[in-house]
Amino acid sequence: MSETFDFVIVGGGTAGCVLANRLTADGRFSVLMLEAGGEPRSIWISIPAGFSKLLVNETYNWRFATEPEDATQNRMIAVPRGRGLGGSTLINGMIYVRGQRGDFDGWAQMGAQGWSFDDVLPYFRKLESYAGPVSEWRGTGGPLPVMEVRERPAIADAFIAAAGESGFEANPDYNGDRQDGFGYYQVNQHKGRRVSAEKAYLAPVRHRPNLSVLTGACATKLVMEGGRVVAVEYRRGGEMLTVRARCEVVLAAGAIQSPQLLECSGIGNPEVLRRAGIVPHVELPAVGENYVDHFCTRMNWRVKVPVTLNELSRGPRLGLAVAQYYLNRTGILTLGTGLAYGFVRSRPGLSGPDVQYFFMHASYANAAERKLDRKPGMTIGVTQLRPESRGTIHVASPDPLAAPVIRPNFLATQTDRDCMVAGMRIARDIVAQPAMSRYRDSETSPGPGCETYDDWLNFARANGQTIYHAAGTCSMGRGGVVDSELKVNRLRGLRVVDASVMPTIVSGNTQAAVLMIAEKASDMILRSARGIETPAESRLARAASIR
């Protein structure tokens, strides 16, 4: 059974929803989106605090995990990935961070022409509907609402004040002209409800006659003819089916499953493919390499007064919170994974912050199961923004439904280790300031016994987790998997559009950058399909004429 569309999008996640919207906008091209998951029907999706339920829900989370590694004490570390239309924007903490100017300028310097900060800023502005002050940095007419968290508990105000006492300035907009400082996080919400990529981009255009969306459709193989990807094989309802693409196949399955599908199709490092029992067809050694994620430790304190989510989310107080949310969409149910933020430099001489903080007036007895403590508590998540360590994601078998092998190689470099230790020490110093004295009781994790460099590092090795920002496994630039137009090298008719194309990870949560990548990719794809040269193609043509 075979159908034909102009474009076939593999993956209905963050990038896929943007692509489906933009590629069908003028009605000229037919588009099919294949999504292995289902429709976003859970009641917990629209409720921001529902992320804690969804992160352990196999219907909406692929629930990948890393291989045990010595550097993290042979623990298997969870790597959540969203499943269903909207992808990880269904289950994430909704935190909206673009990153730093230097991130994107660095991409351009690594060979990703057209991806400097000045190149991508118009796309960030295009996608945003920012509720804050109007400025040259922010967009106001885009499909994604962005606003500061609505809840401002006094304990969070005290944390920001304590940062000031430690010498760190407040910053009203970390997505503006500078990232340094402390304040309240920006989130993709509207009137107290989560706005996923599906809600912002896909749902408003599902009626378009040139857009078809198939859920429960798991892509199993890319079909190649004469050096061109012409079709996608997929499994749906027990059937194996094929769909052909007149123009292009766009792979938007994410940093874990995009390299997996490439390798299952015989595209990658021949040695890796042969070990997995796959016949190599296209040699691209960079597939599945350059895996990077943000490693995070969570420091906890007991709080003197009962003002934290640990007690506000139990018993009669929880009932009051539920009533408050359904009456006016305010209260603790509007909170995600981060309340107050901090971006700091761990040492002098850096061009921008290298540590990010996530403050919440909550603490977990079991972070993996998202179970809150019974006594009042608070947490500061500490993460290194630009890790140097690189890992891999590769298939272990030809079965596209089997989980790939994820080896993150966390804390592999001295810079990464030094940054994590410095970041945790700064967090402890902030909490020790007078502004926190009303709330601060005692440090429970790692605890006052943690003093030496080795103590801090051992704590990170034993307790650190990812914050679910997998990236880099189909990187663009010199020696990568895709070129600056996101076209897969050595093949025609195939692009990759998701977090996997990042040459280096952005300085902060990756959702905003993925939306930007998909917006920019949509323009490049449409220009190509309409026969209009892209800037990169024009440069290549000029160079060829000179030669």
Foldseek 3Di string as FASTA:
>chain_A
DEAEWQEEEEAQALLNLLLLQLLPPVPPTFYEYEFQAEALDDPLQFFLASLLVQQPDVNFWVFDWAAQDVLLPGDTFTFTWTGYRLICLSRAQQFDDQFDQVQQCVQVVQFLPQRHCVSLQVLLQQAECEPDDDDPRHHRPHLFYKYFAPDDDLLLVLLLVLVVVVPFADDPDCSPNHNAGKDWTIGRHDQQTRQGSCNRRPVVCVPRPSYHYDYSWAWQEFDDDPQAGFWTWTDHPNDIYIYGHSFFYEYAHAQQQSLLRCLLHQEEDCVLNVQQVHHHDHYQPLFFWQKAFKKKFKWKFFWDDPPFCLACCDDPSVVVQVVVCVVRSDDDSSGGQATMKGFADLDPDDPGGQKMKGKGFWDAPDVSSPHTDNGGMIMIMIITQFDPFIWGWGANHSGSVDGTHTHGCPPVDPVRLSRQLSRVVSSVSSCPGPSNVNIGDFTVVVGPVQDDSVSSSSSSSHGMHTSNAIAANQAEHPSGQAHSLQAGPSHHRYGYQARHHSNTGGRDHCSSVSSSSSSVNSVSSVCVVVVHDDPVRVVVVVVVVVD
